[in-house]
């Protein structure tokens, strides 16, 4: 489990290699990752958009940006958390992923970013660790 707190919001990440979805003979490796965002601060916040940087063991980097997560822009009140699971494909057996969420405070409309910690995507097929 990986964790990082920014501006009173704790982000937890738990990656999991999906062997049944992966096809190593075709250089296709799939991971699920579960994210939990816990609001430890005072204001109610809304997740507006996401940014991901995914780098495989060969140095190939993909960047992904878009509104919300899994089709949602969740509102998270003080003491509440939001949890979701998504997936990431790589063309190599290992890599790393990191990112950020753009958030908005509902009380004053102010926006800020929170970090998603760097986390490893290592499969049993790895040739070398990217992290």
C-alpha atoms as a PDB file:
ATOM      1  CA  UNK A   1       0.000   0.000   0.000  1.00  0.00           C
ATOM      2  CA  UNK A   2       1.235   3.463  -0.944  1.00  0.00           C
ATOM      3  CA  UNK A   3       0.056   6.660   0.793  1.00  0.00           C
ATOM      4  CA  UNK A   4       0.511  10.397   0.444  1.00  0.00           C
ATOM      5  CA  UNK A   5      -1.286  13.305   2.108  1.00  0.00           C
ATOM      6  CA  UNK A   6      -1.701  16.701   0.451  1.00  0.00           C
ATOM      7  CA  UNK A   7      -3.786  19.590   1.810  1.00  0.00           C
ATOM      8  CA  UNK A   8      -5.600  17.333   4.288  1.00  0.00           C
ATOM      9  CA  UNK A   9      -6.508  14.700   1.707  1.00  0.00           C
ATOM     10  CA  UNK A  10      -4.915  11.255   2.090  1.00  0.00           C
ATOM     11  CA  UNK A  11      -4.518   9.190  -1.071  1.00  0.00           C
ATOM     12  CA  UNK A  12      -3.979   5.446  -0.663  1.00  0.00           C
ATOM     13  CA  UNK A  13      -3.062   3.205  -3.610  1.00  0.00           C
ATOM     14  CA  UNK A  14      -3.059  -0.567  -3.830  1.00  0.00           C
ATOM     15  CA  UNK A  15      -1.920  -2.006  -7.198  1.00  0.00           C
ATOM     16  CA  UNK A  16      -2.542  -5.608  -8.225  1.00  0.00           C
ATOM     17  CA  UNK A  17      -1.212  -7.492 -11.253  1.00  0.00           C
ATOM     18  CA  UNK A  18      -3.976  -9.226 -13.242  1.00  0.00           C
ATOM     19  CA  UNK A  19      -2.503 -12.428 -14.723  1.00  0.00           C
ATOM     20  CA  UNK A  20      -5.818 -13.547 -16.255  1.00  0.00           C
ATOM     21  CA  UNK A  21      -6.129 -10.278 -18.188  1.00  0.00           C
ATOM     22  CA  UNK A  22      -2.467 -10.145 -19.251  1.00  0.00           C
ATOM     23  CA  UNK A  23      -0.887 -11.745 -22.318  1.00  0.00           C
ATOM     24  CA  UNK A  24       2.902 -11.835 -21.770  1.00  0.00           C
ATOM     25  CA  UNK A  25       3.509 -13.483 -25.165  1.00  0.00           C
ATOM     26  CA  UNK A  26       1.968 -10.384 -26.746  1.00  0.00           C
ATOM     27  CA  UNK A  27       3.701  -7.887 -24.394  1.00  0.00           C
ATOM     28  CA  UNK A  28       0.418  -6.971 -22.706  1.00  0.00           C
ATOM     29  CA  UNK A  29       0.484  -6.660 -18.903  1.00  0.00           C
ATOM     30  CA  UNK A  30      -2.533  -5.379 -16.982  1.00  0.00           C
ATOM     31  CA  UNK A  31      -2.767  -4.020 -13.438  1.00  0.00           C
ATOM     32  CA  UNK A  32      -5.760  -3.016 -11.388  1.00  0.00           C
ATOM     33  CA  UNK A  33      -5.214  -0.253  -8.891  1.00  0.00           C
ATOM     34  CA  UNK A  34      -7.552   0.713  -6.094  1.00  0.00           C
ATOM     35  CA  UNK A  35      -7.477   4.319  -4.927  1.00  0.00           C
ATOM     36  CA  UNK A  36      -8.986   5.662  -1.742  1.00  0.00           C
ATOM     37  CA  UNK A  37      -9.149   9.406  -1.102  1.00  0.00           C
ATOM     38  CA  UNK A  38      -9.874  10.311   2.511  1.00  0.00           C
ATOM     39  CA  UNK A  39     -10.868  13.872   3.409  1.00  0.00           C
ATOM     40  CA  UNK A  40      -9.089  14.703   6.661  1.00  0.00           C
ATOM     41  CA  UNK A  41      -9.609  18.455   6.203  1.00  0.00           C
ATOM     42  CA  UNK A  42     -12.468  20.816   6.980  1.00  0.00           C
ATOM     43  CA  UNK A  43     -14.082  21.765   3.656  1.00  0.00           C
ATOM     44  CA  UNK A  44     -16.186  19.613   1.342  1.00  0.00           C
ATOM     45  CA  UNK A  45     -14.206  18.949  -1.846  1.00  0.00           C
ATOM     46  CA  UNK A  46     -14.941  17.645  -5.316  1.00  0.00           C
ATOM     47  CA  UNK A  47     -12.545  15.734  -7.548  1.00  0.00           C
ATOM     48  CA  UNK A  48     -12.622  17.550 -10.889  1.00  0.00           C
ATOM     49  CA  UNK A  49      -9.926  15.896 -13.028  1.00  0.00           C
ATOM     50  CA  UNK A  50      -7.001  13.486 -13.036  1.00  0.00           C
ATOM     51  CA  UNK A  51      -3.486  13.305 -14.444  1.00  0.00           C
ATOM     52  CA  UNK A  52      -1.407  10.105 -14.699  1.00  0.00           C
ATOM     53  CA  UNK A  53       2.178   9.489 -15.775  1.00  0.00           C
ATOM     54  CA  UNK A  54       2.843   5.790 -16.439  1.00  0.00           C
ATOM     55  CA  UNK A  55       6.397   4.654 -17.248  1.00  0.00           C
ATOM     56  CA  UNK A  56       7.359   1.095 -18.115  1.00  0.00           C
ATOM     57  CA  UNK A  57      10.699  -0.589 -17.403  1.00  0.00           C
ATOM     58  CA  UNK A  58      11.949   0.384 -20.870  1.00  0.00           C
ATOM     59  CA  UNK A  59      11.367   4.077 -20.203  1.00  0.00           C
ATOM     60  CA  UNK A  60       8.261   4.410 -22.394  1.00  0.00           C
ATOM     61  CA  UNK A  61       6.009   7.033 -20.770  1.00  0.00           C
ATOM     62  CA  UNK A  62       2.297   7.590 -21.258  1.00  0.00           C
ATOM     63  CA  UNK A  63       0.380  10.560 -19.878  1.00  0.00           C
ATOM     64  CA  UNK A  64      -3.362  10.416 -19.296  1.00  0.00           C
ATOM     65  CA  UNK A  65      -5.578  13.396 -18.431  1.00  0.00           C
ATOM     66  CA  UNK A  66      -9.306  13.784 -18.167  1.00  0.00           C
ATOM     67  CA  UNK A  67     -12.321  14.823 -16.130  1.00  0.00           C
ATOM     68  CA  UNK A  68     -13.063  12.912 -12.939  1.00  0.00           C
ATOM     69  CA  UNK A  69     -12.346   9.240 -12.375  1.00  0.00           C
ATOM     70  CA  UNK A  70     -14.297   6.236 -13.694  1.00  0.00           C
ATOM     71  CA  UNK A  71     -16.891   8.627 -15.112  1.00  0.00           C
ATOM     72  CA  UNK A  72     -17.485  10.396 -11.792  1.00  0.00           C
ATOM     73  CA  UNK A  73     -16.565  13.682 -10.142  1.00  0.00           C
ATOM     74  CA  UNK A  74     -17.138  12.640  -6.534  1.00  0.00           C
ATOM     75  CA  UNK A  75     -17.867  15.014  -3.662  1.00  0.00           C
ATOM     76  CA  UNK A  76     -16.015  14.084  -0.459  1.00  0.00           C
ATOM     77  CA  UNK A  77     -17.055  15.634   2.843  1.00  0.00           C
ATOM     78  CA  UNK A  78     -14.925  15.943   5.987  1.00  0.00           C
ATOM     79  CA  UNK A  79     -14.287  12.504   7.484  1.00  0.00           C
ATOM     80  CA  UNK A  80     -15.556  10.792   4.319  1.00  0.00           C
ATOM     81  CA  UNK A  81     -13.659   8.849   1.695  1.00  0.00           C
ATOM     82  CA  UNK A  82     -14.123   7.836  -1.920  1.00  0.00           C
ATOM     83  CA  UNK A  83     -12.782   4.537  -3.246  1.00  0.00           C
ATOM     84  CA  UNK A  84     -12.584   3.235  -6.805  1.00  0.00           C
ATOM     85  CA  UNK A  85     -10.726   0.663  -8.880  1.00  0.00           C
ATOM     86  CA  UNK A  86      -9.396   1.158 -12.387  1.00  0.00           C
ATOM     87  CA  UNK A  87      -6.801  -0.518 -14.592  1.00  0.00           C
ATOM     88  CA  UNK A  88      -3.609   0.282 -16.474  1.00  0.00           C
ATOM     89  CA  UNK A  89      -1.972  -1.646 -19.340  1.00  0.00           C
ATOM     90  CA  UNK A  90       1.756  -1.780 -20.033  1.00  0.00           C
ATOM     91  CA  UNK A  91       3.752  -3.276 -22.896  1.00  0.00           C
ATOM     92  CA  UNK A  92       6.464  -4.382 -20.437  1.00  0.00           C
ATOM     93  CA  UNK A  93       6.432  -6.576 -17.306  1.00  0.00           C
ATOM     94  CA  UNK A  94       7.048  -3.749 -14.840  1.00  0.00           C
ATOM     95  CA  UNK A  95       6.754  -0.017 -14.456  1.00  0.00           C
ATOM     96  CA  UNK A  96       5.719   2.821 -12.195  1.00  0.00           C
ATOM     97  CA  UNK A  97       2.742   5.131 -12.050  1.00  0.00           C
ATOM     98  CA  UNK A  98       2.151   8.490 -10.391  1.00  0.00           C
ATOM     99  CA  UNK A  99      -0.316  11.288 -10.746  1.00  0.00           C
ATOM    100  CA  UNK A 100      -2.445  14.063  -9.345  1.00  0.00           C
ATOM    101  CA  UNK A 101      -6.070  15.011  -8.888  1.00  0.00           C
ATOM    102  CA  UNK A 102      -7.394  18.525  -9.370  1.00  0.00           C
ATOM    103  CA  UNK A 103      -9.802  19.294  -6.548  1.00  0.00           C
ATOM    104  CA  UNK A 104     -12.289  22.091  -5.867  1.00  0.00           C
ATOM    105  CA  UNK A 105     -13.467  23.331  -2.474  1.00  0.00           C
ATOM    106  CA  UNK A 106     -17.240  23.662  -2.546  1.00  0.00           C
ATOM    107  CA  UNK A 107     -17.344  26.408   0.104  1.00  0.00           C
ATOM    108  CA  UNK A 108     -15.314  29.005  -1.811  1.00  0.00           C
ATOM    109  CA  UNK A 109     -14.745  27.418  -5.245  1.00  0.00           C
ATOM    110  CA  UNK A 110     -10.963  27.414  -4.749  1.00  0.00           C
ATOM    111  CA  UNK A 111      -9.029  24.764  -6.643  1.00  0.00           C
ATOM    112  CA  UNK A 112      -5.887  22.852  -5.736  1.00  0.00           C
ATOM    113  CA  UNK A 113      -4.031  19.688  -6.716  1.00  0.00           C
ATOM    114  CA  UNK A 114      -3.301  16.652  -4.589  1.00  0.00           C
ATOM    115  CA  UNK A 115      -0.579  14.131  -5.320  1.00  0.00           C
ATOM    116  CA  UNK A 116      -0.973  10.436  -5.996  1.00  0.00           C
ATOM    117  CA  UNK A 117       2.204   8.753  -4.719  1.00  0.00           C
ATOM    118  CA  UNK A 118       4.560   6.962  -7.062  1.00  0.00           C
ATOM    119  CA  UNK A 119       3.664   3.264  -7.010  1.00  0.00           C
ATOM    120  CA  UNK A 120       5.197   0.158  -8.536  1.00  0.00           C
ATOM    121  CA  UNK A 121       3.622  -2.003 -11.214  1.00  0.00           C
ATOM    122  CA  UNK A 122       5.694  -5.177 -10.933  1.00  0.00           C
ATOM    123  CA  UNK A 123       4.560  -8.500 -12.376  1.00  0.00           C
ATOM    124  CA  UNK A 124       5.977 -12.002 -11.923  1.00  0.00           C
ATOM    125  CA  UNK A 125       7.227 -11.645 -15.525  1.00  0.00           C
ATOM    126  CA  UNK A 126       9.445  -8.631 -14.802  1.00  0.00           C
ATOM    127  CA  UNK A 127      12.861  -8.590 -16.403  1.00  0.00           C
ATOM    128  CA  UNK A 128      14.051  -5.721 -14.222  1.00  0.00           C
ATOM    129  CA  UNK A 129      12.419  -3.424 -11.708  1.00  0.00           C
ATOM    130  CA  UNK A 130      11.509   0.041 -12.921  1.00  0.00           C
ATOM    131  CA  UNK A 131      11.475   1.432  -9.383  1.00  0.00           C
END
